[in-house]
Structures are given as C-alpha cells and as structure tokens.
Amino acid sequence: MIPNDSNIKVLFLSYNGLLEPILSSQAIPYLKGLAKEGYEFILVTYEKKRDIEKTEKARIAHIREELKSHGIEWIYLRYHKNPRLISTLFDIFTGIIYCLYLIPAKKIKIVHVRGITPGSIMIVLSKFFKVKVLFDMRGRLAEEMAAGGLWSEGSLQYKLVKFAEARLLRSADAVTVLTKRHLEYNKKLPYLKDKGTVMEIIPCCVDINKFNFDIKEAADFKKTLGLENKFILMYLGKIGTFYFMERMLDFFGELLKTVPDAIFVILTPYEAPELYEKALSRGIDKDNIRVVVGLKFEDMPKYLQIADAGIFFINSYNKMGSSPIKMGEFLACGVPVITNPGVGDTEDIVKRERIGILVAHFQGNHYKEAVRDILDLKKTGDELRDRCRDAARRCLSLEDGISKYKKIYEELS
C-alpha cells in the first residue's frame, strides 16, 4: 500500500519489541490487514539490547523497508530492564517525550496502545492532544505478575499498574480484551457500568494461511530431522515463570511408558541447558528431547505441522484474561493440544470443539489418563486434523481479528 494524505494516521505503541516473535504473530499481520483498509501506521516498539545486537543491520533495514511498503513506519526506542521499576518509568518518560513530537508531526488521529506500559504514556499525553485511544488490554498484568511470583500484591509495581489500568479504562475511547471471562469482569467494574466505552473481545488470532498443514512437506521435514515414524510432542514458547515445564516433562515421562520412542521437541527463544538435567532427573533419556533455540517466526509452521500433539501447562491463577498464542498456531497446523483448565477461554474451546485434552491435576493418574485420551483422539486421523483447523478458523482467525479492529477504528475515526 502506498501511503497518502487521505489515510487516517494511527500510532501503535508496544512495549514488546518487533525483533521478538510475539509482534510478528500478534501485531504485524493485523496492521498489514488494516493498512489495506486505508489506515497508515507509525509503529513504535521498545527493543531489547540483546535482540538488536544479534540482528544484523541489514536485517533491520529489510524489516523496516518491508513494513514501509505496507504503509507501516517502524521506529524503535531502547528497552531498559534494571533496576526494573526505575527502568520502566524511564522508558515511559522517553516514550512521552518522543510522542510529544510524534503525534502532532505525523498528524495522528488514533493511538492504539498494546498493554498498560505504553498505555501509561497516553494517560499523560491525552491531556495535551485530542486523539482517540484504543486500550488493547492483553490480560490483567498486575494479577498475572503476582501469580508468576514476580511481584507481590502489596508491592509498589502492583499498585502503580492497577492505578494505571483503572485510569486507562476510564479514559480510553475503546477497550479490547482477549477473553469472554475478562470482558464480563470489566463490565462489572463500577466505573465502567454507565460509561458507554466500546469494548470488544479479540483473542490471540492466527493466520491460517501461514500456519497450515501439508502432508508431503511434513513427512519430508520429519525425515530431514530424523524423526520419521516418531510420536512428536511439542512445546512452543518461553520456559519458566508462567509455564510449567517440569510438569510437561512429567507428562512426557508418562507418555514414554506407552510410546517409548516418543520425542519431545521444544521450540524456545533462548538457551535452556537445565532442561536436560530436569529430564534426566525424571528418567528421560537425552535422546528423547530435542531443543530448537531462536527459531524465526517464518519457520515456525514447518515445525508445528510435524507435531502429533502440542502441550502447554500454564499457571492458571489469575489468568482469566489470557489467550495463549501457541494454541491457535497449533490448531491451524492441524495439531491437537494438551493443556490445563482455568486459562482464559481455552478450556471452553477445547471442550466444545473436541480438539484436545485437559489435564485437571498435575498428578500421575491424571497424566496416565491424558496419555490414553490423546492417543485415542489421534486415532481419528484426518478428521481430528480438519477439526483443529476448523476450530482455528472459527474461533481464532486473523481475518476476524482484523475485521473487529477495523470496526473499532471506524467508530473512533
């Protein structure tokens, strides 16, 4: 798309970096789709030092030019980590200063903030500029950080985030959440009952054209990896904090009792040498574990489509607002999922669509039952694969997500 003066200018603020996989999955596809509808984007992200250093300058220039061809101008600021609270406040301050220039210079009409940290920038700037603000909430940050053991509920960080969240919910012209459960929670907040704020559910969606299944391609790739005729259990994502890797290893250990040559393939952004130690302590041979580090987003589909089942056990405490990205990506590749209840709307989708197994308790008998159930489910073959793909299309499709964002943008324009 060639930008022109008649396009509505949107500032998209994200505290996640573009050099991390999450925005490649959960921002760029939406922005490209919306750019085709006449919106022009200024994308501002916060990039981590390690990501900048490991990415060649030519690669960064290529990303910038490719986005520009779609009507998206990418600008990044530096992310600071330590000391944590002071660094975050500093990043917010630099964002405020930069956006003080950017909003009038680019004639911004809508500001789309992805999460509370960039949203805090607009708490300040909304006093200076008459722009419409979309608060893309992305879960209940304070509660989730406390549940992950990163903050305590009485900490200064927790209180500041809850204060910012309430201010944003009061002042935003539109709010999106990831789950039905979170929407119902927001509707009951006293200060939102009569406000008339536009609120919509947009889960973590998936491009079902990119994440797909090709039987020949999958077979060839399994052969290349030396995994033909193996049952492949797969995990995708970061390790630790919210994700119970040790419990996933426990499940895999139970699976090996029935399928001795099964392989656990773990796709993760950073090195995790402790994985092998944890596996060995459970009697799992190193040869049954494959760890793939730093996989590019564009290479994920060819890996996911070789899986027999995708697994993700998540700390479900205070996770009503969460929508696991990996779920849509597995389903779009025709892969059933093994997960636990209590995380956003995941349980409802798994039960209703019959596309996976829920492990209610992290205990031996429940693992044994889940192993039996997933192996029985896999016996349905192509029917199961088609059902997974259909569930991704109807419940988590990128096209639906773009359509919902477009409708909100139109109401704000």
Protein backbone atom coordinates (compact mmCIF):
# COMPACT_ATOMS: atom_id res chain seq x y z
CA MET A 1 0.00 0.00 0.00
CA ILE A 2 1.31 3.47 -0.89
CA PRO A 3 0.61 5.95 1.94
CA ASN A 4 -1.29 9.09 1.01
CA ASP A 5 -2.55 12.17 2.82
CA SER A 6 -6.13 10.90 2.98
CA ASN A 7 -5.20 7.87 5.11
CA ILE A 8 -6.08 8.01 8.79
CA LYS A 9 -2.84 8.03 10.80
CA VAL A 10 -2.60 5.56 13.67
CA LEU A 11 0.15 5.44 16.27
CA PHE A 12 0.66 1.86 17.51
CA LEU A 13 2.63 1.73 20.77
CA SER A 14 4.08 -1.56 22.02
CA TYR A 15 6.43 -2.34 24.91
CA ASN A 16 7.21 -5.65 23.19
CA GLY A 17 9.93 -5.47 20.58
CA LEU A 18 9.46 -6.19 16.89
CA LEU A 19 12.63 -8.31 16.95
CA GLU A 20 10.83 -10.75 19.27
CA PRO A 21 8.39 -13.30 17.77
CA ILE A 22 5.28 -12.02 19.56
CA LEU A 23 4.71 -8.92 17.40
CA SER A 24 5.36 -10.88 14.21
CA SER A 25 2.40 -13.02 15.27
CA GLN A 26 0.18 -10.62 17.19
CA ALA A 27 0.65 -7.16 15.70
CA ILE A 28 2.16 -7.03 12.21
CA PRO A 29 -0.46 -9.26 10.50
CA TYR A 30 -3.23 -7.06 11.94
CA LEU A 31 -1.51 -3.83 10.91
CA LYS A 32 -0.92 -5.07 7.38
CA GLY A 33 -4.57 -6.06 7.08
CA LEU A 34 -5.77 -2.72 8.43
CA ALA A 35 -3.36 -0.80 6.20
CA LYS A 36 -5.21 -2.26 3.21
CA GLU A 37 -8.37 -0.64 4.59
CA GLY A 38 -6.91 2.88 4.44
CA TYR A 39 -5.02 3.24 7.73
CA GLU A 40 -1.43 4.38 7.88
CA PHE A 41 0.63 3.26 10.85
CA ILE A 42 3.51 4.60 12.88
CA LEU A 43 4.74 1.59 14.87
CA VAL A 44 6.80 2.41 17.96
CA THR A 45 8.36 -0.51 19.83
CA TYR A 46 10.86 -0.95 22.64
CA GLU A 47 13.74 -3.20 21.57
CA LYS A 48 16.00 -5.15 23.91
CA LYS A 49 19.77 -4.74 23.63
CA ARG A 50 20.38 -8.46 23.06
CA ASP A 51 17.87 -8.56 20.19
CA ILE A 52 19.43 -5.54 18.49
CA GLU A 53 22.94 -6.95 18.88
CA LYS A 54 22.09 -10.38 17.45
CA THR A 55 20.17 -8.94 14.47
CA GLU A 56 22.23 -7.75 11.53
CA LYS A 57 21.78 -4.12 10.49
CA ALA A 58 20.83 -5.29 7.01
CA ARG A 59 18.07 -7.44 8.51
CA ILE A 60 16.69 -4.47 10.48
CA ALA A 61 16.81 -2.31 7.36
CA HIS A 62 15.00 -5.02 5.40
CA ILE A 63 12.24 -5.28 8.04
CA ARG A 64 11.83 -1.51 8.00
CA GLU A 65 11.56 -1.35 4.22
CA GLU A 66 9.17 -4.30 4.02
CA LEU A 67 6.86 -2.68 6.57
CA LYS A 68 7.08 0.67 4.78
CA SER A 69 5.80 -0.99 1.59
CA HIS A 70 2.64 -1.87 3.56
CA GLY A 71 2.11 1.64 4.94
CA ILE A 72 3.78 0.95 8.31
CA GLU A 73 6.64 3.17 9.51
CA TRP A 74 8.69 1.45 12.23
CA ILE A 75 10.53 3.42 14.90
CA TYR A 76 12.11 1.82 17.95
CA LEU A 77 13.23 3.03 21.34
CA ARG A 78 15.60 1.17 23.65
CA TYR A 79 14.15 -1.09 26.33
CA HIS A 80 15.75 -0.89 29.76
CA LYS A 81 15.47 -3.68 32.33
CA ASN A 82 17.42 -2.92 35.51
CA PRO A 83 16.65 -1.65 38.05
CA ARG A 84 13.22 -2.87 36.99
CA LEU A 85 10.79 -0.21 38.25
CA ILE A 86 13.09 2.74 37.59
CA SER A 87 13.89 1.42 34.11
CA THR A 88 10.22 1.03 33.22
CA LEU A 89 9.45 4.55 34.46
CA PHE A 90 12.39 5.84 32.42
CA ASP A 91 11.07 4.05 29.31
CA ILE A 92 7.63 5.59 29.86
CA PHE A 93 9.23 9.03 30.23
CA THR A 94 11.23 8.69 26.99
CA GLY A 95 8.06 7.49 25.25
CA ILE A 96 6.18 10.58 26.48
CA ILE A 97 8.91 12.91 25.23
CA TYR A 98 9.10 11.19 21.85
CA CYS A 99 5.34 11.05 21.34
CA LEU A 100 5.00 14.73 22.27
CA TYR A 101 6.80 15.33 18.98
CA LEU A 102 5.41 12.38 17.03
CA ILE A 103 1.66 12.88 17.46
CA PRO A 104 1.47 16.41 16.01
CA ALA A 105 4.28 15.83 13.49
CA LYS A 106 2.57 12.78 11.98
CA LYS A 107 -0.97 14.15 12.43
CA ILE A 108 -2.03 11.14 14.46
CA LYS A 109 -5.79 10.60 14.87
CA ILE A 110 -5.89 7.26 16.75
CA VAL A 111 -3.42 5.87 19.29
CA HIS A 112 -3.54 2.09 19.70
CA VAL A 113 -1.70 1.09 22.89
CA ARG A 114 -0.76 -2.56 23.34
CA GLY A 115 -0.77 -3.09 27.09
CA ILE A 116 -0.55 -0.95 30.20
CA THR A 117 3.06 0.27 29.97
CA PRO A 118 2.68 2.09 26.63
CA GLY A 119 -0.84 2.97 27.73
CA SER A 120 0.69 4.94 30.60
CA ILE A 121 2.22 7.24 28.00
CA MET A 122 -1.28 8.17 26.84
CA ILE A 123 -2.53 8.81 30.38
CA VAL A 124 -0.21 11.82 30.27
CA LEU A 125 -0.50 12.78 26.60
CA SER A 126 -4.29 12.61 26.38
CA LYS A 127 -4.27 15.85 28.36
CA PHE A 128 -2.39 17.56 25.52
CA PHE A 129 -3.84 16.01 22.37
CA LYS A 130 -7.36 15.33 21.16
CA VAL A 131 -6.70 11.85 19.83
CA LYS A 132 -8.78 8.71 20.20
CA VAL A 133 -7.24 5.97 22.34
CA LEU A 134 -7.73 2.22 21.93
CA PHE A 135 -6.52 0.33 25.01
CA ASP A 136 -5.56 -3.19 23.84
CA MET A 137 -5.57 -4.69 27.33
CA ARG A 138 -3.73 -8.04 26.82
CA GLY A 139 -4.80 -9.53 30.16
CA ARG A 140 -4.66 -8.42 33.79
CA LEU A 141 -0.98 -7.55 34.09
CA ALA A 142 -0.68 -6.88 37.83
CA GLU A 143 -2.52 -10.04 38.84
CA GLU A 144 -0.58 -12.17 36.36
CA MET A 145 2.80 -10.84 37.53
CA ALA A 146 1.82 -11.58 41.12
CA ALA A 147 0.66 -15.07 40.16
CA GLY A 148 4.02 -15.67 38.46
CA GLY A 149 5.85 -14.73 41.65
CA LEU A 150 7.44 -11.65 40.06
CA TRP A 151 5.57 -9.13 42.21
CA SER A 152 3.68 -9.24 45.50
CA GLU A 153 0.15 -7.86 45.64
CA GLY A 154 1.23 -5.14 48.04
CA SER A 155 4.26 -4.05 46.02
CA LEU A 156 4.70 -0.60 44.53
CA GLN A 157 4.78 -2.05 40.99
CA TYR A 158 1.48 -3.82 41.57
CA LYS A 159 -0.21 -0.68 42.91
CA LEU A 160 1.13 1.52 40.11
CA VAL A 161 -0.08 -0.88 37.41
CA LYS A 162 -3.55 -1.17 38.98
CA PHE A 163 -3.73 2.63 39.16
CA ALA A 164 -2.69 2.96 35.50
CA GLU A 165 -5.13 0.23 34.46
CA ALA A 166 -8.08 1.98 36.12
CA ARG A 167 -7.09 5.34 34.60
CA LEU A 168 -6.80 3.82 31.14
CA LEU A 169 -10.11 2.01 31.39
CA ARG A 170 -11.78 5.26 32.42
CA SER A 171 -10.16 7.42 29.76
CA ALA A 172 -9.88 5.10 26.74
CA ASP A 173 -12.36 5.52 23.91
CA ALA A 174 -12.29 1.77 23.22
CA VAL A 175 -11.00 -1.31 25.05
CA THR A 176 -10.20 -4.75 23.70
CA VAL A 177 -9.65 -7.86 25.81
CA LEU A 178 -8.57 -11.38 24.92
CA THR A 179 -11.32 -13.46 26.53
CA LYS A 180 -15.04 -13.57 27.32
CA ARG A 181 -14.22 -14.03 31.00
CA HIS A 182 -12.21 -10.80 31.05
CA LEU A 183 -14.94 -8.89 29.23
CA GLU A 184 -17.52 -9.95 31.81
CA TYR A 185 -15.14 -8.93 34.59
CA ASN A 186 -14.64 -5.47 33.05
CA LYS A 187 -18.37 -4.94 32.58
CA LYS A 188 -18.86 -5.32 36.34
CA LEU A 189 -16.33 -2.62 37.22
CA PRO A 190 -18.34 0.22 38.86
CA TYR A 191 -16.63 3.00 36.91
CA LEU A 192 -17.38 1.34 33.53
CA LYS A 193 -21.03 0.37 34.02
CA ASP A 194 -22.54 3.56 32.61
CA LYS A 195 -19.59 4.93 30.65
CA GLY A 196 -20.50 3.50 27.24
CA THR A 197 -16.92 2.57 26.34
CA VAL A 198 -16.59 0.46 23.18
CA MET A 199 -15.47 -3.00 24.38
CA GLU A 200 -14.65 -5.98 22.19
CA ILE A 201 -13.13 -9.47 22.54
CA ILE A 202 -10.22 -10.12 20.18
CA PRO A 203 -8.28 -13.26 21.19
CA CYS A 204 -4.74 -14.05 20.07
CA CYS A 205 -5.51 -14.92 16.47
CA VAL A 206 -3.62 -16.94 13.87
CA ASP A 207 -3.07 -16.60 10.15
CA ILE A 208 -4.45 -19.94 8.96
CA ASN A 209 -2.88 -19.40 5.55
CA LYS A 210 0.61 -19.16 7.04
CA PHE A 211 0.10 -21.82 9.73
CA ASN A 212 -1.13 -24.73 7.68
CA PHE A 213 -0.65 -28.45 7.09
CA ASP A 214 0.89 -30.10 4.05
CA ILE A 215 1.19 -33.87 4.40
CA LYS A 216 4.13 -34.24 1.99
CA GLU A 217 6.01 -31.25 3.38
CA ALA A 218 5.52 -32.54 6.94
CA ALA A 219 6.71 -36.03 6.03
CA ASP A 220 9.79 -34.69 4.22
CA PHE A 221 10.70 -32.41 7.10
CA LYS A 222 10.31 -35.20 9.68
CA LYS A 223 12.65 -37.30 7.56
CA THR A 224 15.16 -34.44 7.37
CA LEU A 225 15.12 -34.20 11.16
CA GLY A 226 15.41 -37.97 11.55
CA LEU A 227 12.01 -38.16 13.24
CA GLU A 228 10.01 -40.26 10.78
CA ASN A 229 7.62 -42.71 12.44
CA LYS A 230 8.06 -40.98 15.81
CA PHE A 231 5.29 -39.61 18.02
CA ILE A 232 6.21 -35.95 18.47
CA LEU A 233 5.05 -33.98 21.50
CA MET A 234 5.83 -30.29 21.03
CA TYR A 235 6.08 -27.16 23.15
CA LEU A 236 6.45 -23.67 21.69
CA GLY A 237 7.46 -20.59 23.69
CA LYS A 238 9.43 -19.28 26.62
CA ILE A 239 10.34 -21.52 29.54
CA GLY A 240 9.66 -20.60 33.16
CA THR A 241 7.58 -18.09 35.14
CA PHE A 242 4.08 -18.86 33.83
CA TYR A 243 4.84 -22.14 32.06
CA PHE A 244 5.18 -25.40 33.99
CA MET A 245 7.96 -27.10 32.04
CA GLU A 246 8.70 -29.59 34.82
CA ARG A 247 5.09 -30.75 34.76
CA MET A 248 5.21 -31.04 30.97
CA LEU A 249 8.28 -33.25 31.40
CA ASP A 250 6.33 -35.32 33.93
CA PHE A 251 3.59 -35.81 31.34
CA PHE A 252 6.16 -36.73 28.70
CA GLY A 253 7.67 -39.28 31.07
CA GLU A 254 4.24 -40.90 31.36
CA LEU A 255 3.84 -40.84 27.57
CA LEU A 256 7.15 -42.69 27.17
CA LYS A 257 5.74 -45.63 29.16
CA THR A 258 3.26 -46.21 26.34
CA VAL A 259 5.25 -44.80 23.40
CA PRO A 260 8.92 -45.49 24.27
CA ASP A 261 10.38 -43.81 21.19
CA ALA A 262 8.34 -40.58 21.51
CA ILE A 263 10.27 -37.31 21.08
CA PHE A 264 9.63 -34.07 22.97
CA VAL A 265 10.50 -31.15 20.65
CA ILE A 266 10.83 -27.83 22.48
CA LEU A 267 10.92 -24.62 20.43
CA THR A 268 12.12 -21.76 22.63
CA PRO A 269 13.74 -18.36 22.04
CA TYR A 270 16.64 -18.73 24.48
CA GLU A 271 19.09 -21.44 25.58
CA ALA A 272 17.84 -23.66 28.42
CA PRO A 273 20.58 -26.15 29.37
CA GLU A 274 18.76 -27.02 32.61
CA LEU A 275 16.09 -28.78 30.55
CA TYR A 276 18.27 -31.83 30.04
CA GLU A 277 19.10 -32.05 33.75
CA LYS A 278 15.40 -31.91 34.63
CA ALA A 279 14.65 -34.56 32.02
CA LEU A 280 17.39 -36.88 33.28
CA SER A 281 16.16 -36.50 36.87
CA ARG A 282 12.85 -37.96 35.63
CA GLY A 283 14.49 -40.88 33.87
CA ILE A 284 14.03 -39.31 30.43
CA ASP A 285 16.90 -40.03 28.07
CA LYS A 286 18.55 -37.04 26.41
CA ASP A 287 17.88 -38.62 23.00
CA ASN A 288 14.14 -38.23 23.61
CA ILE A 289 14.46 -34.43 23.89
CA ARG A 290 15.10 -32.01 21.02
CA VAL A 291 15.52 -28.30 21.83
CA VAL A 292 15.41 -25.78 18.97
CA VAL A 293 16.55 -22.30 20.02
CA GLY A 294 15.84 -18.95 18.37
CA LEU A 295 13.57 -20.22 15.61
CA LYS A 296 12.44 -17.44 13.26
CA PHE A 297 8.72 -16.75 13.14
CA GLU A 298 8.52 -17.59 9.45
CA ASP A 299 9.98 -21.06 10.13
CA MET A 300 7.54 -22.00 12.90
CA PRO A 301 4.77 -23.51 10.71
CA LYS A 302 7.01 -26.20 9.20
CA TYR A 303 7.95 -27.34 12.70
CA LEU A 304 4.46 -27.20 14.17
CA GLN A 305 2.91 -29.26 11.40
CA ILE A 306 5.12 -32.27 12.23
CA ALA A 307 3.77 -32.44 15.82
CA ASP A 308 1.33 -35.13 16.89
CA ALA A 309 0.25 -33.01 19.86
CA GLY A 310 1.08 -29.60 21.26
CA ILE A 311 1.42 -29.18 25.01
CA PHE A 312 1.32 -26.14 27.28
CA PHE A 313 0.74 -26.24 31.02
CA ILE A 314 0.22 -22.73 32.37
CA ASN A 315 -0.08 -21.27 35.85
CA SER A 316 -3.82 -20.63 35.69
CA TYR A 317 -4.06 -18.45 38.81
CA ASN A 318 -5.38 -15.02 37.75
CA LYS A 319 -5.20 -15.99 34.07
CA MET A 320 -8.82 -15.20 33.14
CA GLY A 321 -7.62 -12.61 30.65
CA SER A 322 -5.08 -14.79 28.84
CA SER A 323 -5.27 -16.21 25.33
CA PRO A 324 -2.27 -18.45 24.55
CA ILE A 325 -0.83 -17.57 21.13
CA LYS A 326 0.53 -21.09 20.72
CA MET A 327 -2.96 -22.61 20.86
CA GLY A 328 -4.13 -21.00 17.63
CA GLU A 329 -0.84 -21.78 15.91
CA PHE A 330 -1.01 -25.48 16.83
CA LEU A 331 -4.66 -25.79 15.81
CA ALA A 332 -4.11 -24.04 12.48
CA CYS A 333 -1.45 -26.66 11.71
CA GLY A 334 -3.96 -29.40 12.50
CA VAL A 335 -2.35 -30.27 15.83
CA PRO A 336 -4.49 -31.13 18.90
CA VAL A 337 -3.48 -29.60 22.24
CA ILE A 338 -2.85 -30.87 25.75
CA THR A 339 -3.35 -28.17 28.36
CA ASN A 340 -4.85 -27.40 31.76
CA PRO A 341 -8.14 -25.68 32.69
CA GLY A 342 -8.52 -22.13 34.02
CA VAL A 343 -6.64 -20.13 31.37
CA GLY A 344 -8.93 -17.63 29.67
CA ASP A 345 -11.40 -19.26 27.28
CA THR A 346 -9.05 -22.13 26.40
CA GLU A 347 -10.95 -24.76 28.38
CA ASP A 348 -14.26 -23.86 26.69
CA ILE A 349 -12.74 -24.11 23.20
CA VAL A 350 -11.04 -27.45 23.89
CA LYS A 351 -14.23 -29.00 25.26
CA ARG A 352 -16.63 -27.53 22.73
CA GLU A 353 -14.52 -28.21 19.64
CA ARG A 354 -13.09 -31.57 20.82
CA ILE A 355 -9.58 -30.59 19.71
CA GLY A 356 -7.50 -31.66 22.68
CA ILE A 357 -7.17 -32.95 26.21
CA LEU A 358 -7.47 -31.11 29.53
CA VAL A 359 -5.29 -32.26 32.42
CA ALA A 360 -7.21 -31.25 35.53
CA HIS A 361 -4.49 -32.07 38.08
CA PHE A 362 -0.74 -32.43 37.70
CA GLN A 363 -0.58 -35.96 39.11
CA GLY A 364 0.36 -39.42 37.85
CA ASN A 365 -3.12 -40.85 37.35
CA HIS A 366 -4.28 -37.72 35.51
CA TYR A 367 -1.21 -37.85 33.24
CA LYS A 368 -1.87 -41.54 32.54
CA GLU A 369 -5.50 -40.81 31.66
CA ALA A 370 -4.50 -37.90 29.43
CA VAL A 371 -1.94 -40.06 27.58
CA ARG A 372 -4.62 -42.65 26.90
CA ASP A 373 -7.09 -39.98 25.75
CA ILE A 374 -4.71 -38.18 23.40
CA LEU A 375 -3.66 -41.47 21.78
CA ASP A 376 -7.33 -42.39 21.33
CA LEU A 377 -8.04 -38.94 19.88
CA LYS A 378 -5.17 -39.30 17.42
CA LYS A 379 -6.74 -42.48 16.03
CA THR A 380 -9.36 -40.31 14.28
CA GLY A 381 -6.60 -39.09 11.94
CA ASP A 382 -7.67 -36.65 9.22
CA GLU A 383 -10.98 -35.97 10.95
CA LEU A 384 -9.14 -34.61 14.01
CA ARG A 385 -6.76 -32.55 11.89
CA ASP A 386 -9.66 -31.00 10.00
CA ARG A 387 -11.49 -30.30 13.25
CA CYS A 388 -8.44 -28.49 14.66
CA ARG A 389 -8.11 -26.38 11.53
CA ASP A 390 -11.82 -25.59 11.55
CA ALA A 391 -11.67 -24.54 15.22
CA ALA A 392 -8.76 -22.19 14.46
CA ARG A 393 -10.74 -20.71 11.56
CA ARG A 394 -13.95 -20.15 13.51
CA CYS A 395 -12.58 -19.20 16.94
CA LEU A 396 -9.15 -17.66 16.39
CA SER A 397 -8.91 -16.44 12.82
CA LEU A 398 -6.77 -13.45 11.87
CA GLU A 399 -9.42 -12.25 9.42
CA ASP A 400 -11.97 -11.97 12.23
CA GLY A 401 -9.46 -10.11 14.37
CA ILE A 402 -8.73 -7.60 11.61
CA SER A 403 -12.46 -7.13 10.98
CA LYS A 404 -13.09 -6.35 14.66
CA TYR A 405 -10.20 -3.88 14.86
CA LYS A 406 -11.43 -2.22 11.66
CA LYS A 407 -14.89 -1.76 13.15
CA ILE A 408 -13.40 -0.14 16.27
CA TYR A 409 -11.17 2.13 14.17
CA GLU A 410 -14.20 3.21 12.15
CA GLU A 411 -16.07 4.11 15.33
CA LEU A 412 -13.09 6.12 16.56
CA SER A 413 -12.41 7.90 13.24
